[in-house]
Amino acid sequence: MKPLVIDTSVWVDWFRGRKDREGLTKITSGRVLYLPSVVVMELYSGTHETSSIRIMDSFIDSFLRNRRIIVPNEKDYITAGKILAELKWPASKLSNDTLIVVCARKIGAELLSLNRRDFVPLCSLLSVTLRTSINEDG
């Protein structure tokens, strides 16, 4: 079974209790989870209280201890830039999404995101399997 990269959109809904936790548990069961460093940054950007920061520290620490944080290298940034140019997208927040897909491809992972609009074209160009619902089978 492929490793799984979970996008910020899923984690934010999970932390806020808005998504089906049972469905997410089913999808992640038996899978090795990875977290792109871009997702780490995006998650921390939403922590505005000491209690939220502590929760995020604990969550991120489990990925750090298991060496499951993917950090883009120079080649990954070059690939991301070329993909943005091909899609004629500006290098703004879409840069983060592009780097997330590049990181997933780098380790041969499937990507779970609730953001179809941005991730469908990216995953298509980079041949990354995309799951856009936590309720999908398989």
N, C-alpha and C. Protein backbone atom coordinates (compact mmCIF):
# COMPACT_ATOMS: atom_id res chain seq x y z
N MET A 1 0.84 -1.18 0.00
CA MET A 1 0.00 0.00 0.00
C MET A 1 0.89 1.25 0.00
N LYS A 2 0.52 2.22 -0.83
CA LYS A 2 1.31 3.45 -0.94
C LYS A 2 1.28 4.25 0.36
N PRO A 3 2.38 4.98 0.63
CA PRO A 3 2.33 5.92 1.75
C PRO A 3 1.27 6.98 1.45
N LEU A 4 0.88 7.73 2.46
CA LEU A 4 -0.17 8.73 2.30
C LEU A 4 0.29 10.08 2.81
N VAL A 5 0.11 11.10 1.97
CA VAL A 5 0.34 12.48 2.36
C VAL A 5 -1.03 13.13 2.51
N ILE A 6 -1.25 13.78 3.63
CA ILE A 6 -2.53 14.43 3.89
C ILE A 6 -2.33 15.94 3.87
N ASP A 7 -3.13 16.60 3.04
CA ASP A 7 -3.05 18.04 2.85
C ASP A 7 -3.62 18.80 4.05
N THR A 8 -3.24 20.04 4.14
CA THR A 8 -3.68 20.93 5.21
C THR A 8 -5.20 20.98 5.33
N SER A 9 -5.91 20.98 4.20
CA SER A 9 -7.37 21.10 4.23
C SER A 9 -8.01 19.99 5.07
N VAL A 10 -7.46 18.80 5.00
CA VAL A 10 -8.00 17.67 5.77
C VAL A 10 -7.66 17.83 7.25
N TRP A 11 -6.40 18.17 7.54
CA TRP A 11 -5.98 18.31 8.93
C TRP A 11 -6.74 19.43 9.64
N VAL A 12 -6.95 20.55 8.96
CA VAL A 12 -7.67 21.66 9.59
C VAL A 12 -9.08 21.22 9.97
N ASP A 13 -9.77 20.57 9.05
CA ASP A 13 -11.12 20.09 9.36
C ASP A 13 -11.09 19.06 10.48
N TRP A 14 -10.07 18.21 10.49
CA TRP A 14 -9.94 17.19 11.54
C TRP A 14 -9.73 17.83 12.91
N PHE A 15 -8.80 18.80 12.97
CA PHE A 15 -8.54 19.47 14.24
C PHE A 15 -9.76 20.24 14.75
N ARG A 16 -10.56 20.75 13.83
CA ARG A 16 -11.76 21.50 14.21
C ARG A 16 -12.96 20.59 14.44
N GLY A 17 -12.77 19.29 14.24
CA GLY A 17 -13.84 18.32 14.48
C GLY A 17 -14.93 18.33 13.43
N ARG A 18 -14.62 18.86 12.24
CA ARG A 18 -15.63 18.99 11.20
C ARG A 18 -15.71 17.80 10.25
N LYS A 19 -14.78 16.92 10.27
CA LYS A 19 -14.78 15.79 9.34
C LYS A 19 -14.96 14.48 10.07
N ASP A 20 -15.38 13.50 9.32
CA ASP A 20 -15.64 12.16 9.81
C ASP A 20 -14.33 11.51 10.26
N ARG A 21 -14.09 11.51 11.57
CA ARG A 21 -12.84 10.95 12.10
C ARG A 21 -12.75 9.45 11.83
N GLU A 22 -13.88 8.77 11.87
CA GLU A 22 -13.90 7.33 11.59
C GLU A 22 -13.46 7.06 10.15
N GLY A 23 -13.94 7.87 9.23
CA GLY A 23 -13.55 7.72 7.82
C GLY A 23 -12.06 7.96 7.62
N LEU A 24 -11.53 8.99 8.29
CA LEU A 24 -10.10 9.27 8.18
C LEU A 24 -9.28 8.15 8.80
N THR A 25 -9.74 7.62 9.92
CA THR A 25 -9.06 6.50 10.55
C THR A 25 -9.04 5.30 9.61
N LYS A 26 -10.13 5.05 8.92
CA LYS A 26 -10.21 3.93 7.98
C LYS A 26 -9.22 4.11 6.82
N ILE A 27 -9.15 5.32 6.27
CA ILE A 27 -8.24 5.59 5.15
C ILE A 27 -6.78 5.46 5.58
N THR A 28 -6.46 5.88 6.80
CA THR A 28 -5.06 5.89 7.25
C THR A 28 -4.62 4.57 7.88
N SER A 29 -5.56 3.71 8.19
CA SER A 29 -5.23 2.44 8.85
C SER A 29 -4.25 1.62 8.00
N GLY A 30 -3.14 1.25 8.62
CA GLY A 30 -2.13 0.44 7.94
C GLY A 30 -1.27 1.22 6.95
N ARG A 31 -1.46 2.52 6.87
CA ARG A 31 -0.69 3.35 5.94
C ARG A 31 0.41 4.08 6.69
N VAL A 32 1.49 4.35 6.01
CA VAL A 32 2.54 5.20 6.55
C VAL A 32 2.21 6.62 6.13
N LEU A 33 2.05 7.51 7.12
CA LEU A 33 1.69 8.90 6.85
C LEU A 33 2.93 9.78 6.83
N TYR A 34 2.94 10.71 5.88
CA TYR A 34 4.00 11.70 5.78
C TYR A 34 3.39 13.09 5.78
N LEU A 35 4.18 14.05 6.21
CA LEU A 35 3.73 15.43 6.30
C LEU A 35 4.75 16.33 5.61
N PRO A 36 4.37 16.96 4.49
CA PRO A 36 5.30 17.91 3.87
C PRO A 36 5.54 19.10 4.81
N SER A 37 6.74 19.63 4.79
CA SER A 37 7.06 20.77 5.65
C SER A 37 6.16 21.96 5.35
N VAL A 38 5.69 22.07 4.12
CA VAL A 38 4.76 23.15 3.75
C VAL A 38 3.46 23.02 4.56
N VAL A 39 2.97 21.80 4.75
CA VAL A 39 1.76 21.57 5.54
C VAL A 39 2.02 21.94 7.00
N VAL A 40 3.21 21.62 7.49
CA VAL A 40 3.57 22.00 8.86
C VAL A 40 3.45 23.52 9.02
N MET A 41 4.01 24.26 8.07
CA MET A 41 3.96 25.72 8.11
C MET A 41 2.51 26.22 8.08
N GLU A 42 1.71 25.66 7.17
CA GLU A 42 0.32 26.09 7.05
C GLU A 42 -0.47 25.79 8.33
N LEU A 43 -0.22 24.63 8.93
CA LEU A 43 -0.93 24.28 10.16
C LEU A 43 -0.56 25.24 11.30
N TYR A 44 0.73 25.51 11.46
CA TYR A 44 1.15 26.43 12.52
C TYR A 44 0.61 27.84 12.28
N SER A 45 0.43 28.23 11.03
CA SER A 45 -0.06 29.59 10.76
C SER A 45 -1.47 29.80 11.31
N GLY A 46 -2.19 28.72 11.56
CA GLY A 46 -3.54 28.83 12.12
C GLY A 46 -3.61 28.71 13.62
N THR A 47 -2.46 28.59 14.27
CA THR A 47 -2.47 28.47 15.74
C THR A 47 -2.22 29.84 16.34
N HIS A 48 -3.23 30.34 17.05
CA HIS A 48 -3.13 31.70 17.60
C HIS A 48 -3.21 31.72 19.12
N GLU A 49 -3.36 30.58 19.73
CA GLU A 49 -3.44 30.49 21.19
C GLU A 49 -2.40 29.49 21.68
N THR A 50 -1.94 29.68 22.90
CA THR A 50 -0.94 28.80 23.48
C THR A 50 -1.39 27.35 23.47
N SER A 51 -2.66 27.11 23.78
CA SER A 51 -3.16 25.73 23.80
C SER A 51 -3.12 25.11 22.41
N SER A 52 -3.44 25.88 21.38
CA SER A 52 -3.39 25.38 19.99
C SER A 52 -1.96 25.06 19.57
N ILE A 53 -1.05 25.91 19.98
CA ILE A 53 0.37 25.69 19.66
C ILE A 53 0.87 24.40 20.32
N ARG A 54 0.48 24.17 21.57
CA ARG A 54 0.89 22.94 22.26
C ARG A 54 0.33 21.69 21.57
N ILE A 55 -0.92 21.77 21.18
CA ILE A 55 -1.53 20.64 20.46
C ILE A 55 -0.78 20.39 19.15
N MET A 56 -0.48 21.46 18.43
CA MET A 56 0.23 21.31 17.15
C MET A 56 1.64 20.79 17.39
N ASP A 57 2.32 21.29 18.42
CA ASP A 57 3.67 20.80 18.75
C ASP A 57 3.65 19.28 18.95
N SER A 58 2.68 18.81 19.70
CA SER A 58 2.57 17.37 19.98
C SER A 58 2.28 16.58 18.70
N PHE A 59 1.39 17.09 17.87
CA PHE A 59 1.04 16.44 16.61
C PHE A 59 2.27 16.36 15.69
N ILE A 60 2.94 17.48 15.50
CA ILE A 60 4.10 17.54 14.60
C ILE A 60 5.25 16.69 15.15
N ASP A 61 5.41 16.66 16.46
CA ASP A 61 6.50 15.90 17.08
C ASP A 61 6.46 14.42 16.70
N SER A 62 5.26 13.87 16.57
CA SER A 62 5.17 12.45 16.20
C SER A 62 5.73 12.22 14.80
N PHE A 63 5.53 13.17 13.89
CA PHE A 63 6.10 13.05 12.55
C PHE A 63 7.61 13.27 12.59
N LEU A 64 8.06 14.20 13.41
CA LEU A 64 9.51 14.45 13.53
C LEU A 64 10.23 13.23 14.10
N ARG A 65 9.68 12.65 15.17
CA ARG A 65 10.31 11.48 15.80
C ARG A 65 10.45 10.32 14.82
N ASN A 66 9.48 10.18 13.95
CA ASN A 66 9.49 9.06 13.00
C ASN A 66 10.09 9.41 11.64
N ARG A 67 10.67 10.61 11.56
CA ARG A 67 11.30 11.08 10.32
C ARG A 67 10.33 11.01 9.14
N ARG A 68 9.15 11.55 9.36
CA ARG A 68 8.10 11.51 8.34
C ARG A 68 7.71 12.89 7.84
N ILE A 69 8.61 13.85 7.98
CA ILE A 69 8.36 15.18 7.41
C ILE A 69 9.20 15.29 6.14
N ILE A 70 8.54 15.64 5.05
CA ILE A 70 9.20 15.74 3.75
C ILE A 70 9.57 17.20 3.51
N VAL A 71 10.85 17.45 3.33
CA VAL A 71 11.34 18.80 3.08
C VAL A 71 11.77 18.90 1.61
N PRO A 72 11.16 19.83 0.86
CA PRO A 72 11.54 19.97 -0.54
C PRO A 72 13.00 20.40 -0.68
N ASN A 73 13.66 19.87 -1.69
CA ASN A 73 15.03 20.30 -1.98
C ASN A 73 15.03 21.21 -3.22
N GLU A 74 16.20 21.58 -3.69
CA GLU A 74 16.31 22.50 -4.82
C GLU A 74 15.59 21.97 -6.05
N LYS A 75 15.77 20.67 -6.35
CA LYS A 75 15.12 20.08 -7.53
C LYS A 75 13.60 20.13 -7.40
N ASP A 76 13.09 19.97 -6.20
CA ASP A 76 11.65 20.02 -5.98
C ASP A 76 11.11 21.42 -6.27
N TYR A 77 11.86 22.45 -5.87
CA TYR A 77 11.43 23.82 -6.16
C TYR A 77 11.47 24.10 -7.66
N ILE A 78 12.47 23.58 -8.35
CA ILE A 78 12.54 23.74 -9.81
C ILE A 78 11.35 23.06 -10.48
N THR A 79 11.06 21.83 -10.06
CA THR A 79 9.90 21.12 -10.59
C THR A 79 8.62 21.90 -10.34
N ALA A 80 8.45 22.39 -9.13
CA ALA A 80 7.25 23.16 -8.78
C ALA A 80 7.13 24.41 -9.65
N GLY A 81 8.22 25.09 -9.86
CA GLY A 81 8.20 26.29 -10.71
C GLY A 81 7.81 25.97 -12.14
N LYS A 82 8.32 24.86 -12.67
CA LYS A 82 7.96 24.47 -14.03
C LYS A 82 6.49 24.09 -14.14
N ILE A 83 5.96 23.43 -13.12
CA ILE A 83 4.54 23.05 -13.11
C ILE A 83 3.67 24.31 -13.05
N LEU A 84 4.03 25.26 -12.20
CA LEU A 84 3.28 26.51 -12.12
C LEU A 84 3.29 27.23 -13.47
N ALA A 85 4.44 27.24 -14.14
CA ALA A 85 4.53 27.88 -15.46
C ALA A 85 3.65 27.16 -16.48
N GLU A 86 3.68 25.83 -16.45
CA GLU A 86 2.87 25.06 -17.40
C GLU A 86 1.38 25.32 -17.21
N LEU A 87 0.96 25.46 -15.96
CA LEU A 87 -0.45 25.72 -15.67
C LEU A 87 -0.80 27.21 -15.76
N LYS A 88 0.24 28.04 -15.97
CA LYS A 88 0.07 29.49 -16.02
C LYS A 88 -0.54 30.02 -14.72
N TRP A 89 -0.08 29.46 -13.61
CA TRP A 89 -0.53 29.87 -12.28
C TRP A 89 0.52 30.77 -11.65
N PRO A 90 0.09 31.77 -10.89
CA PRO A 90 1.06 32.64 -10.21
C PRO A 90 1.72 31.91 -9.04
N ALA A 91 2.92 32.35 -8.71
CA ALA A 91 3.64 31.76 -7.58
C ALA A 91 3.16 32.45 -6.30
N SER A 92 2.02 32.03 -5.83
CA SER A 92 1.45 32.57 -4.60
C SER A 92 1.13 31.39 -3.70
N LYS A 93 -0.06 31.32 -3.13
CA LYS A 93 -0.43 30.17 -2.31
C LYS A 93 -0.39 28.88 -3.12
N LEU A 94 -0.58 28.98 -4.41
CA LEU A 94 -0.52 27.80 -5.26
C LEU A 94 0.87 27.17 -5.24
N SER A 95 1.87 27.94 -4.88
CA SER A 95 3.21 27.39 -4.74
C SER A 95 3.23 26.32 -3.64
N ASN A 96 2.54 26.59 -2.54
CA ASN A 96 2.48 25.62 -1.46
C ASN A 96 1.83 24.32 -1.92
N ASP A 97 0.68 24.44 -2.60
CA ASP A 97 -0.02 23.25 -3.08
C ASP A 97 0.86 22.47 -4.06
N THR A 98 1.56 23.18 -4.93
CA THR A 98 2.44 22.53 -5.90
C THR A 98 3.56 21.78 -5.18
N LEU A 99 4.16 22.39 -4.18
CA LEU A 99 5.22 21.72 -3.42
C LEU A 99 4.69 20.49 -2.68
N ILE A 100 3.47 20.55 -2.19
CA ILE A 100 2.87 19.39 -1.51
C ILE A 100 2.77 18.21 -2.48
N VAL A 101 2.32 18.47 -3.71
CA VAL A 101 2.20 17.39 -4.70
C VAL A 101 3.59 16.89 -5.12
N VAL A 102 4.53 17.79 -5.29
CA VAL A 102 5.91 17.39 -5.63
C VAL A 102 6.47 16.49 -4.52
N CYS A 103 6.21 16.84 -3.27
CA CYS A 103 6.69 16.02 -2.14
C CYS A 103 6.03 14.64 -2.15
N ALA A 104 4.73 14.59 -2.43
CA ALA A 104 4.03 13.30 -2.49
C ALA A 104 4.62 12.42 -3.59
N ARG A 105 4.86 13.02 -4.75
CA ARG A 105 5.44 12.25 -5.86
C ARG A 105 6.84 11.74 -5.51
N LYS A 106 7.60 12.57 -4.83
CA LYS A 106 8.98 12.25 -4.46
C LYS A 106 9.07 10.94 -3.68
N ILE A 107 8.06 10.66 -2.85
CA ILE A 107 8.09 9.43 -2.04
C ILE A 107 7.12 8.36 -2.55
N GLY A 108 6.48 8.63 -3.71
CA GLY A 108 5.55 7.65 -4.28
C GLY A 108 4.27 7.51 -3.49
N ALA A 109 3.80 8.63 -2.91
CA ALA A 109 2.63 8.58 -2.03
C ALA A 109 1.35 8.97 -2.75
N GLU A 110 0.26 8.51 -2.20
CA GLU A 110 -1.07 8.99 -2.57
C GLU A 110 -1.30 10.28 -1.78
N LEU A 111 -2.12 11.18 -2.32
CA LEU A 111 -2.39 12.45 -1.65
C LEU A 111 -3.87 12.54 -1.31
N LEU A 112 -4.17 12.94 -0.09
CA LEU A 112 -5.54 13.17 0.35
C LEU A 112 -5.71 14.67 0.57
N SER A 113 -6.63 15.28 -0.19
CA SER A 113 -6.93 16.70 -0.05
C SER A 113 -8.41 16.94 -0.33
N LEU A 114 -8.98 17.91 0.32
CA LEU A 114 -10.36 18.30 0.07
C LEU A 114 -10.44 19.41 -0.97
N ASN A 115 -9.30 19.85 -1.45
CA ASN A 115 -9.20 20.97 -2.40
C ASN A 115 -9.06 20.43 -3.83
N ARG A 116 -10.17 20.03 -4.42
CA ARG A 116 -10.17 19.48 -5.78
C ARG A 116 -9.67 20.49 -6.81
N ARG A 117 -10.12 21.72 -6.69
CA ARG A 117 -9.83 22.74 -7.71
C ARG A 117 -8.33 22.86 -7.99
N ASP A 118 -7.53 22.94 -6.94
CA ASP A 118 -6.09 23.12 -7.14
C ASP A 118 -5.36 21.79 -7.34
N PHE A 119 -5.78 20.75 -6.65
CA PHE A 119 -4.99 19.52 -6.65
C PHE A 119 -5.26 18.60 -7.83
N VAL A 120 -6.44 18.64 -8.42
CA VAL A 120 -6.70 17.77 -9.58
C VAL A 120 -5.73 18.04 -10.72
N PRO A 121 -5.57 19.31 -11.18
CA PRO A 121 -4.61 19.53 -12.27
C PRO A 121 -3.16 19.23 -11.87
N LEU A 122 -2.79 19.56 -10.64
CA LEU A 122 -1.42 19.31 -10.18
C LEU A 122 -1.12 17.82 -10.16
N CYS A 123 -2.01 17.05 -9.56
CA CYS A 123 -1.79 15.60 -9.46
C CYS A 123 -1.82 14.95 -10.83
N SER A 124 -2.64 15.47 -11.72
CA SER A 124 -2.70 14.94 -13.08
C SER A 124 -1.36 15.13 -13.79
N LEU A 125 -0.82 16.34 -13.71
CA LEU A 125 0.46 16.62 -14.37
C LEU A 125 1.62 15.83 -13.78
N LEU A 126 1.57 15.59 -12.48
CA LEU A 126 2.69 14.91 -11.81
C LEU A 126 2.43 13.42 -11.57
N SER A 127 1.31 12.91 -12.10
CA SER A 127 0.97 11.49 -11.97
C SER A 127 0.94 11.03 -10.51
N VAL A 128 0.27 11.81 -9.68
CA VAL A 128 0.10 11.47 -8.27
C VAL A 128 -1.36 11.08 -8.06
N THR A 129 -1.58 9.96 -7.40
CA THR A 129 -2.94 9.52 -7.09
C THR A 129 -3.54 10.47 -6.06
N LEU A 130 -4.74 10.98 -6.38
CA LEU A 130 -5.41 11.95 -5.51
C LEU A 130 -6.71 11.37 -4.99
N ARG A 131 -6.90 11.50 -3.71
CA ARG A 131 -8.17 11.15 -3.05
C ARG A 131 -8.74 12.46 -2.53
N THR A 132 -10.01 12.74 -2.87
CA THR A 132 -10.59 14.03 -2.51
C THR A 132 -11.74 13.91 -1.52
N SER A 133 -11.91 12.74 -0.94
CA SER A 133 -12.95 12.56 0.07
C SER A 133 -12.48 11.52 1.07
N ILE A 134 -12.81 11.72 2.32
CA ILE A 134 -12.44 10.73 3.31
C ILE A 134 -13.45 9.60 3.34
N ASN A 135 -14.48 9.69 2.52
CA ASN A 135 -15.52 8.65 2.48
C ASN A 135 -15.38 7.74 1.27
N GLU A 136 -14.38 7.98 0.40
CA GLU A 136 -14.17 7.13 -0.77
C GLU A 136 -13.72 5.75 -0.35
N ASP A 137 -14.08 4.75 -1.12
CA ASP A 137 -13.57 3.39 -0.90
C ASP A 137 -12.18 3.29 -1.50
N GLY A 138 -11.39 2.38 -0.90
CA GLY A 138 -10.14 2.01 -1.50
C GLY A 138 -9.00 2.84 -1.26
